[in-house]
Amino acid sequence: MITLITYDITEPKRLNATRKFLKEFGLRTQKSVFECDIDNDAIKRIRAWCRDNLDIAADSVRIYHICNRCMDKVVVSGMGVKVTQMDYMIV
């Protein structure tokens, strides 16, 4: 499923660690935004990593599921690519 992950991390070391970790899951489309084609297991892994590595009182990570119908309505203005749901999985 297409998932949008946004984050606001207050400390540079945690910010860089979060960015590096999320690169495993999707495409960084803006400074604090990743668009991913991931399953529920990946979301559980991301949530567990956030619990273990972030300051919950100061940092924020948001995970939004984007339905196929909504993806058809996404408009990109300027530079950038639009993530689409893959029909296959790379192993």
PDB file of N, CA and C in Angstrom:
ATOM      1  N   MET A   1       0.835  -1.169   0.000  1.00  0.00           N
ATOM      2  CA  MET A   1       0.000   0.000   0.000  1.00  0.00           C
ATOM      3  C   MET A   1       0.884   1.238   0.000  1.00  0.00           C
ATOM      4  N   ILE A   2       0.412   2.283  -0.650  1.00  0.00           N
ATOM      5  CA  ILE A   2       1.159   3.532  -0.666  1.00  0.00           C
ATOM      6  C   ILE A   2       0.977   4.209   0.690  1.00  0.00           C
ATOM      7  N   THR A   3       2.087   4.601   1.263  1.00  0.00           N
ATOM      8  CA  THR A   3       2.097   5.198   2.598  1.00  0.00           C
ATOM      9  C   THR A   3       2.959   6.447   2.576  1.00  0.00           C
ATOM     10  N   LEU A   4       2.447   7.500   3.178  1.00  0.00           N
ATOM     11  CA  LEU A   4       3.173   8.751   3.298  1.00  0.00           C
ATOM     12  C   LEU A   4       3.680   8.855   4.733  1.00  0.00           C
ATOM     13  N   ILE A   5       4.976   9.070   4.889  1.00  0.00           N
ATOM     14  CA  ILE A   5       5.571   9.193   6.223  1.00  0.00           C
ATOM     15  C   ILE A   5       6.196  10.578   6.328  1.00  0.00           C
ATOM     16  N   THR A   6       5.760  11.333   7.322  1.00  0.00           N
ATOM     17  CA  THR A   6       6.319  12.658   7.573  1.00  0.00           C
ATOM     18  C   THR A   6       6.939  12.666   8.961  1.00  0.00           C
ATOM     19  N   TYR A   7       7.932  13.512   9.135  1.00  0.00           N
ATOM     20  CA  TYR A   7       8.579  13.548  10.445  1.00  0.00           C
ATOM     21  C   TYR A   7       9.084  14.942  10.773  1.00  0.00           C
ATOM     22  N   ASP A   8       9.143  15.225  12.052  1.00  0.00           N
ATOM     23  CA  ASP A   8       9.692  16.463  12.582  1.00  0.00           C
ATOM     24  C   ASP A   8      10.537  16.043  13.784  1.00  0.00           C
ATOM     25  N   ILE A   9      11.837  16.011  13.598  1.00  0.00           N
ATOM     26  CA  ILE A   9      12.764  15.530  14.622  1.00  0.00           C
ATOM     27  C   ILE A   9      13.588  16.719  15.116  1.00  0.00           C
ATOM     28  N   THR A  10      13.660  16.894  16.421  1.00  0.00           N
ATOM     29  CA  THR A  10      14.256  18.103  16.987  1.00  0.00           C
ATOM     30  C   THR A  10      15.775  18.077  17.104  1.00  0.00           C
ATOM     31  N   GLU A  11      16.374  16.918  17.158  1.00  0.00           N
ATOM     32  CA  GLU A  11      17.821  16.821  17.393  1.00  0.00           C
ATOM     33  C   GLU A  11      18.510  16.272  16.141  1.00  0.00           C
ATOM     34  N   PRO A  12      19.571  16.928  15.641  1.00  0.00           N
ATOM     35  CA  PRO A  12      20.198  16.534  14.370  1.00  0.00           C
ATOM     36  C   PRO A  12      20.644  15.072  14.290  1.00  0.00           C
ATOM     37  N   LYS A  13      21.162  14.513  15.355  1.00  0.00           N
ATOM     38  CA  LYS A  13      21.613  13.116  15.315  1.00  0.00           C
ATOM     39  C   LYS A  13      20.428  12.168  15.089  1.00  0.00           C
ATOM     40  N   ARG A  14      19.329  12.400  15.796  1.00  0.00           N
ATOM     41  CA  ARG A  14      18.126  11.575  15.610  1.00  0.00           C
ATOM     42  C   ARG A  14      17.512  11.827  14.237  1.00  0.00           C
ATOM     43  N   LEU A  15      17.571  13.074  13.776  1.00  0.00           N
ATOM     44  CA  LEU A  15      17.040  13.415  12.459  1.00  0.00           C
ATOM     45  C   LEU A  15      17.768  12.629  11.373  1.00  0.00           C
ATOM     46  N   ASN A  16      19.087  12.630  11.415  1.00  0.00           N
ATOM     47  CA  ASN A  16      19.867  11.893  10.417  1.00  0.00           C
ATOM     48  C   ASN A  16      19.635  10.394  10.506  1.00  0.00           C
ATOM     49  N   ALA A  17      19.521   9.870  11.719  1.00  0.00           N
ATOM     50  CA  ALA A  17      19.256   8.436  11.892  1.00  0.00           C
ATOM     51  C   ALA A  17      17.881   8.065  11.328  1.00  0.00           C
ATOM     52  N   THR A  18      16.898   8.921  11.553  1.00  0.00           N
ATOM     53  CA  THR A  18      15.544   8.676  11.047  1.00  0.00           C
ATOM     54  C   THR A  18      15.538   8.696   9.528  1.00  0.00           C
ATOM     55  N   ARG A  19      16.166   9.696   8.942  1.00  0.00           N
ATOM     56  CA  ARG A  19      16.243   9.809   7.481  1.00  0.00           C
ATOM     57  C   ARG A  19      16.914   8.570   6.887  1.00  0.00           C
ATOM     58  N   LYS A  20      18.035   8.162   7.482  1.00  0.00           N
ATOM     59  CA  LYS A  20      18.766   6.988   6.984  1.00  0.00           C
ATOM     60  C   LYS A  20      17.911   5.723   7.092  1.00  0.00           C
ATOM     61  N   PHE A  21      17.207   5.563   8.207  1.00  0.00           N
ATOM     62  CA  PHE A  21      16.363   4.391   8.410  1.00  0.00           C
ATOM     63  C   PHE A  21      15.216   4.356   7.393  1.00  0.00           C
ATOM     64  N   LEU A  22      14.550   5.485   7.186  1.00  0.00           N
ATOM     65  CA  LEU A  22      13.391   5.511   6.290  1.00  0.00           C
ATOM     66  C   LEU A  22      13.766   5.322   4.826  1.00  0.00           C
ATOM     67  N   LYS A  23      15.023   5.589   4.476  1.00  0.00           N
ATOM     68  CA  LYS A  23      15.471   5.372   3.090  1.00  0.00           C
ATOM     69  C   LYS A  23      15.296   3.923   2.660  1.00  0.00           C
ATOM     70  N   GLU A  24      15.295   2.998   3.623  1.00  0.00           N
ATOM     71  CA  GLU A  24      15.113   1.573   3.320  1.00  0.00           C
ATOM     72  C   GLU A  24      13.710   1.272   2.806  1.00  0.00           C
ATOM     73  N   PHE A  25      12.765   2.168   3.060  1.00  0.00           N
ATOM     74  CA  PHE A  25      11.360   1.866   2.799  1.00  0.00           C
ATOM     75  C   PHE A  25      10.744   2.604   1.620  1.00  0.00           C
ATOM     76  N   GLY A  26      11.336   3.730   1.230  1.00  0.00           N
ATOM     77  CA  GLY A  26      10.687   4.477   0.167  1.00  0.00           C
ATOM     78  C   GLY A  26      11.530   5.606  -0.383  1.00  0.00           C
ATOM     79  N   LEU A  27      10.858   6.467  -1.068  1.00  0.00           N
ATOM     80  CA  LEU A  27      11.479   7.575  -1.777  1.00  0.00           C
ATOM     81  C   LEU A  27      11.296   8.865  -0.983  1.00  0.00           C
ATOM     82  N   ARG A  28      12.394   9.557  -0.738  1.00  0.00           N
ATOM     83  CA  ARG A  28      12.325  10.836  -0.032  1.00  0.00           C
ATOM     84  C   ARG A  28      11.902  11.895  -1.042  1.00  0.00           C
ATOM     85  N   THR A  29      10.663  12.362  -0.943  1.00  0.00           N
ATOM     86  CA  THR A  29      10.122  13.290  -1.924  1.00  0.00           C
ATOM     87  C   THR A  29      10.231  14.743  -1.490  1.00  0.00           C
ATOM     88  N   GLN A  30      10.415  14.983  -0.211  1.00  0.00           N
ATOM     89  CA  GLN A  30      10.686  16.312   0.324  1.00  0.00           C
ATOM     90  C   GLN A  30      11.568  16.130   1.547  1.00  0.00           C
ATOM     91  N   LYS A  31      12.047  17.233   2.122  1.00  0.00           N
ATOM     92  CA  LYS A  31      13.028  17.129   3.205  1.00  0.00           C
ATOM     93  C   LYS A  31      12.572  16.239   4.358  1.00  0.00           C
ATOM     94  N   SER A  32      11.329  16.307   4.740  1.00  0.00           N
ATOM     95  CA  SER A  32      10.840  15.505   5.861  1.00  0.00           C
ATOM     96  C   SER A  32       9.677  14.610   5.466  1.00  0.00           C
ATOM     97  N   VAL A  33       9.697  14.150   4.217  1.00  0.00           N
ATOM     98  CA  VAL A  33       8.593  13.331   3.702  1.00  0.00           C
ATOM     99  C   VAL A  33       9.136  12.163   2.887  1.00  0.00           C
ATOM    100  N   PHE A  34       8.630  10.973   3.188  1.00  0.00           N
ATOM    101  CA  PHE A  34       8.911   9.785   2.386  1.00  0.00           C
ATOM    102  C   PHE A  34       7.598   9.240   1.849  1.00  0.00           C
ATOM    103  N   GLU A  35       7.612   8.818   0.585  1.00  0.00           N
ATOM    104  CA  GLU A  35       6.486   8.107   0.000  1.00  0.00           C
ATOM    105  C   GLU A  35       6.947   6.675  -0.214  1.00  0.00           C
ATOM    106  N   CYS A  36       6.159   5.735   0.301  1.00  0.00           N
ATOM    107  CA  CYS A  36       6.581   4.331   0.332  1.00  0.00           C
ATOM    108  C   CYS A  36       5.490   3.422  -0.208  1.00  0.00           C
ATOM    109  N   ASP A  37       5.888   2.321  -0.781  1.00  0.00           N
ATOM    110  CA  ASP A  37       4.980   1.242  -1.155  1.00  0.00           C
ATOM    111  C   ASP A  37       5.336   0.077  -0.232  1.00  0.00           C
ATOM    112  N   ILE A  38       4.663  -0.005   0.905  1.00  0.00           N
ATOM    113  CA  ILE A  38       5.041  -0.958   1.952  1.00  0.00           C
ATOM    114  C   ILE A  38       3.825  -1.714   2.473  1.00  0.00           C
ATOM    115  N   ASP A  39       4.096  -2.785   3.200  1.00  0.00           N
ATOM    116  CA  ASP A  39       3.029  -3.592   3.787  1.00  0.00           C
ATOM    117  C   ASP A  39       2.938  -3.332   5.292  1.00  0.00           C
ATOM    118  N   ASN A  40       2.015  -4.016   5.939  1.00  0.00           N
ATOM    119  CA  ASN A  40       1.799  -3.817   7.378  1.00  0.00           C
ATOM    120  C   ASN A  40       3.009  -4.207   8.219  1.00  0.00           C
ATOM    121  N   ASP A  41       3.756  -5.224   7.786  1.00  0.00           N
ATOM    122  CA  ASP A  41       4.953  -5.624   8.530  1.00  0.00           C
ATOM    123  C   ASP A  41       5.986  -4.501   8.542  1.00  0.00           C
ATOM    124  N   ALA A  42       6.143  -3.818   7.415  1.00  0.00           N
ATOM    125  CA  ALA A  42       7.085  -2.696   7.346  1.00  0.00           C
ATOM    126  C   ALA A  42       6.625  -1.559   8.244  1.00  0.00           C
ATOM    127  N   ILE A  43       5.329  -1.308   8.276  1.00  0.00           N
ATOM    128  CA  ILE A  43       4.806  -0.246   9.144  1.00  0.00           C
ATOM    129  C   ILE A  43       5.063  -0.592  10.603  1.00  0.00           C
ATOM    130  N   LYS A  44       4.869  -1.843  10.976  1.00  0.00           N
ATOM    131  CA  LYS A  44       5.158  -2.266  12.351  1.00  0.00           C
ATOM    132  C   LYS A  44       6.630  -2.072  12.683  1.00  0.00           C
ATOM    133  N   ARG A  45       7.497  -2.371  11.728  1.00  0.00           N
ATOM    134  CA  ARG A  45       8.934  -2.195  11.928  1.00  0.00           C
ATOM    135  C   ARG A  45       9.293  -0.713  12.111  1.00  0.00           C
ATOM    136  N   ILE A  46       8.681   0.142  11.303  1.00  0.00           N
ATOM    137  CA  ILE A  46       8.912   1.589  11.421  1.00  0.00           C
ATOM    138  C   ILE A  46       8.424   2.102  12.779  1.00  0.00           C
ATOM    139  N   ARG A  47       7.257   1.692  13.179  1.00  0.00           N
ATOM    140  CA  ARG A  47       6.711   2.146  14.471  1.00  0.00           C
ATOM    141  C   ARG A  47       7.575   1.680  15.629  1.00  0.00           C
ATOM    142  N   ALA A  48       8.064   0.449  15.572  1.00  0.00           N
ATOM    143  CA  ALA A  48       8.940  -0.066  16.635  1.00  0.00           C
ATOM    144  C   ALA A  48      10.244   0.721  16.673  1.00  0.00           C
ATOM    145  N   TRP A  49      10.803   1.023  15.510  1.00  0.00           N
ATOM    146  CA  TRP A  49      12.045   1.796  15.458  1.00  0.00           C
ATOM    147  C   TRP A  49      11.830   3.182  16.071  1.00  0.00           C
ATOM    148  N   CYS A  50      10.709   3.803  15.745  1.00  0.00           N
ATOM    149  CA  CYS A  50      10.404   5.131  16.298  1.00  0.00           C
ATOM    150  C   CYS A  50      10.278   5.073  17.821  1.00  0.00           C
ATOM    151  N   ARG A  51       9.599   4.065  18.338  1.00  0.00           N
ATOM    152  CA  ARG A  51       9.461   3.913  19.796  1.00  0.00           C
ATOM    153  C   ARG A  51      10.821   3.787  20.460  1.00  0.00           C
ATOM    154  N   ASP A  52      11.739   3.061  19.814  1.00  0.00           N
ATOM    155  CA  ASP A  52      13.036   2.772  20.413  1.00  0.00           C
ATOM    156  C   ASP A  52      14.070   3.883  20.219  1.00  0.00           C
ATOM    157  N   ASN A  53      13.875   4.750  19.234  1.00  0.00           N
ATOM    158  CA  ASN A  53      14.936   5.684  18.871  1.00  0.00           C
ATOM    159  C   ASN A  53      14.586   7.167  18.952  1.00  0.00           C
ATOM    160  N   LEU A  54      13.331   7.496  19.108  1.00  0.00           N
ATOM    161  CA  LEU A  54      12.950   8.907  19.114  1.00  0.00           C
ATOM    162  C   LEU A  54      12.566   9.384  20.505  1.00  0.00           C
ATOM    163  N   ASP A  55      12.607  10.690  20.675  1.00  0.00           N
ATOM    164  CA  ASP A  55      12.142  11.326  21.904  1.00  0.00           C
ATOM    165  C   ASP A  55      10.664  11.651  21.689  1.00  0.00           C
ATOM    166  N   ILE A  56       9.798  10.824  22.215  1.00  0.00           N
ATOM    167  CA  ILE A  56       8.363  10.947  21.961  1.00  0.00           C
ATOM    168  C   ILE A  56       7.817  12.295  22.445  1.00  0.00           C
ATOM    169  N   ALA A  57       8.465  12.904  23.440  1.00  0.00           N
ATOM    170  CA  ALA A  57       8.014  14.203  23.942  1.00  0.00           C
ATOM    171  C   ALA A  57       8.384  15.351  23.002  1.00  0.00           C
ATOM    172  N   ALA A  58       9.408  15.167  22.163  1.00  0.00           N
ATOM    173  CA  ALA A  58       9.895  16.268  21.323  1.00  0.00           C
ATOM    174  C   ALA A  58       9.771  16.004  19.830  1.00  0.00           C
ATOM    175  N   ASP A  59       9.754  14.734  19.412  1.00  0.00           N
ATOM    176  CA  ASP A  59       9.768  14.376  17.992  1.00  0.00           C
ATOM    177  C   ASP A  59       8.380  13.912  17.538  1.00  0.00           C
ATOM    178  N   SER A  60       8.192  13.937  16.231  1.00  0.00           N
ATOM    179  CA  SER A  60       6.912  13.495  15.670  1.00  0.00           C
ATOM    180  C   SER A  60       7.138  12.741  14.366  1.00  0.00           C
ATOM    181  N   VAL A  61       6.501  11.584  14.238  1.00  0.00           N
ATOM    182  CA  VAL A  61       6.469  10.834  12.980  1.00  0.00           C
ATOM    183  C   VAL A  61       4.999  10.517  12.709  1.00  0.00           C
ATOM    184  N   ARG A  62       4.561  10.823  11.506  1.00  0.00           N
ATOM    185  CA  ARG A  62       3.171  10.546  11.115  1.00  0.00           C
ATOM    186  C   ARG A  62       3.170   9.602   9.926  1.00  0.00           C
ATOM    187  N   ILE A  63       2.258   8.637   9.961  1.00  0.00           N
ATOM    188  CA  ILE A  63       2.144   7.631   8.897  1.00  0.00           C
ATOM    189  C   ILE A  63       0.720   7.696   8.354  1.00  0.00           C
ATOM    190  N   TYR A  64       0.624   7.988   7.057  1.00  0.00           N
ATOM    191  CA  TYR A  64      -0.676   8.094   6.396  1.00  0.00           C
ATOM    192  C   TYR A  64      -0.775   7.026   5.314  1.00  0.00           C
ATOM    193  N   HIS A  65      -1.864   6.254   5.330  1.00  0.00           N
ATOM    194  CA  HIS A  65      -2.141   5.301   4.255  1.00  0.00           C
ATOM    195  C   HIS A  65      -2.886   6.055   3.157  1.00  0.00           C
ATOM    196  N   ILE A  66      -2.472   5.869   1.916  1.00  0.00           N
ATOM    197  CA  ILE A  66      -3.098   6.553   0.789  1.00  0.00           C
ATOM    198  C   ILE A  66      -3.777   5.502  -0.097  1.00  0.00           C
ATOM    199  N   CYS A  67      -5.087   5.609  -0.246  1.00  0.00           N
ATOM    200  CA  CYS A  67      -5.818   4.622  -1.048  1.00  0.00           C
ATOM    201  C   CYS A  67      -5.522   4.843  -2.536  1.00  0.00           C
ATOM    202  N   ASN A  68      -5.781   3.821  -3.341  1.00  0.00           N
ATOM    203  CA  ASN A  68      -5.522   3.903  -4.779  1.00  0.00           C
ATOM    204  C   ASN A  68      -6.314   5.032  -5.437  1.00  0.00           C
ATOM    205  N   ARG A  69      -7.546   5.206  -5.014  1.00  0.00           N
ATOM    206  CA  ARG A  69      -8.383   6.265  -5.575  1.00  0.00           C
ATOM    207  C   ARG A  69      -7.779   7.636  -5.281  1.00  0.00           C
ATOM    208  N   CYS A  70      -7.259   7.797  -4.061  1.00  0.00           N
ATOM    209  CA  CYS A  70      -6.634   9.063  -3.685  1.00  0.00           C
ATOM    210  C   CYS A  70      -5.322   9.275  -4.431  1.00  0.00           C
ATOM    211  N   MET A  71      -4.561   8.211  -4.667  1.00  0.00           N
ATOM    212  CA  MET A  71      -3.294   8.331  -5.399  1.00  0.00           C
ATOM    213  C   MET A  71      -3.540   8.866  -6.799  1.00  0.00           C
ATOM    214  N   ASP A  72      -4.670   8.498  -7.397  1.00  0.00           N
ATOM    215  CA  ASP A  72      -4.993   8.991  -8.741  1.00  0.00           C
ATOM    216  C   ASP A  72      -5.207  10.501  -8.754  1.00  0.00           C
ATOM    217  N   LYS A  73      -5.479  11.083  -7.582  1.00  0.00           N
ATOM    218  CA  LYS A  73      -5.741  12.520  -7.484  1.00  0.00           C
ATOM    219  C   LYS A  73      -4.512  13.328  -7.078  1.00  0.00           C
ATOM    220  N   VAL A  74      -3.395  12.657  -6.829  1.00  0.00           N
ATOM    221  CA  VAL A  74      -2.173  13.365  -6.424  1.00  0.00           C
ATOM    222  C   VAL A  74      -1.662  14.194  -7.594  1.00  0.00           C
ATOM    223  N   VAL A  75      -1.335  15.443  -7.306  1.00  0.00           N
ATOM    224  CA  VAL A  75      -0.789  16.344  -8.310  1.00  0.00           C
ATOM    225  C   VAL A  75       0.578  16.795  -7.824  1.00  0.00           C
ATOM    226  N   VAL A  76       1.582  16.681  -8.681  1.00  0.00           N
ATOM    227  CA  VAL A  76       2.927  17.148  -8.348  1.00  0.00           C
ATOM    228  C   VAL A  76       3.196  18.388  -9.185  1.00  0.00           C
ATOM    229  N   SER A  77       3.461  19.490  -8.529  1.00  0.00           N
ATOM    230  CA  SER A  77       3.821  20.725  -9.224  1.00  0.00           C
ATOM    231  C   SER A  77       5.310  20.946  -9.046  1.00  0.00           C
ATOM    232  N   GLY A  78       6.000  21.265 -10.103  1.00  0.00           N
ATOM    233  CA  GLY A  78       7.437  21.469 -10.014  1.00  0.00           C
ATOM    234  C   GLY A  78       8.170  20.148 -10.112  1.00  0.00           C
ATOM    235  N   MET A  79       9.375  20.143  -9.569  1.00  0.00           N
ATOM    236  CA  MET A  79      10.210  18.939  -9.637  1.00  0.00           C
ATOM    237  C   MET A  79       9.647  17.866  -8.718  1.00  0.00           C
ATOM    238  N   GLY A  80       9.821  16.639  -9.116  1.00  0.00           N
ATOM    239  CA  GLY A  80       9.403  15.548  -8.246  1.00  0.00           C
ATOM    240  C   GLY A  80       8.783  14.413  -9.023  1.00  0.00           C
ATOM    241  N   VAL A  81       8.686  13.295  -8.353  1.00  0.00           N
ATOM    242  CA  VAL A  81       8.064  12.117  -8.937  1.00  0.00           C
ATOM    243  C   VAL A  81       6.904  11.698  -8.059  1.00  0.00           C
ATOM    244  N   LYS A  82       6.016  10.946  -8.620  1.00  0.00           N
ATOM    245  CA  LYS A  82       4.852  10.432  -7.904  1.00  0.00           C
ATOM    246  C   LYS A  82       5.040   8.936  -7.717  1.00  0.00           C
ATOM    247  N   VAL A  83       5.000   8.484  -6.490  1.00  0.00           N
ATOM    248  CA  VAL A  83       5.136   7.060  -6.205  1.00  0.00           C
ATOM    249  C   VAL A  83       3.843   6.368  -6.607  1.00  0.00           C
ATOM    250  N   THR A  84       3.966   5.247  -7.296  1.00  0.00           N
ATOM    251  CA  THR A  84       2.799   4.459  -7.666  1.00  0.00           C
ATOM    252  C   THR A  84       2.938   3.082  -7.057  1.00  0.00           C
ATOM    253  N   GLN A  85       1.832   2.426  -6.848  1.00  0.00           N
ATOM    254  CA  GLN A  85       1.848   1.103  -6.251  1.00  0.00           C
ATOM    255  C   GLN A  85       2.432   0.109  -7.221  1.00  0.00           C
ATOM    256  N   MET A  86       3.370  -0.681  -6.723  1.00  0.00           N
ATOM    257  CA  MET A  86       4.032  -1.677  -7.574  1.00  0.00           C
ATOM    258  C   MET A  86       3.154  -2.917  -7.683  1.00  0.00           C
ATOM    259  N   ASP A  87       3.193  -3.536  -8.853  1.00  0.00           N
ATOM    260  CA  ASP A  87       2.456  -4.780  -9.068  1.00  0.00           C
ATOM    261  C   ASP A  87       3.329  -5.991  -8.756  1.00  0.00           C
ATOM    262  N   TYR A  88       4.548  -5.753  -8.297  1.00  0.00           N
ATOM    263  CA  TYR A  88       5.473  -6.833  -8.027  1.00  0.00           C
ATOM    264  C   TYR A  88       6.314  -6.455  -6.807  1.00  0.00           C
ATOM    265  N   MET A  89       7.021  -7.411  -6.271  1.00  0.00           N
ATOM    266  CA  MET A  89       7.883  -7.169  -5.128  1.00  0.00           C
ATOM    267  C   MET A  89       9.303  -7.600  -5.488  1.00  0.00           C
ATOM    268  N   ILE A  90      10.260  -6.753  -5.194  1.00  0.00           N
ATOM    269  CA  ILE A  90      11.667  -7.084  -5.432  1.00  0.00           C
ATOM    270  C   ILE A  90      12.196  -7.794  -4.205  1.00  0.00           C
ATOM    271  N   VAL A  91      12.789  -8.975  -4.407  1.00  0.00           N
ATOM    272  CA  VAL A  91      13.294  -9.771  -3.284  1.00  0.00           C
ATOM    273  C   VAL A  91      14.806  -9.737  -3.302  1.00  0.00           C
TER     274      VAL A  91
END
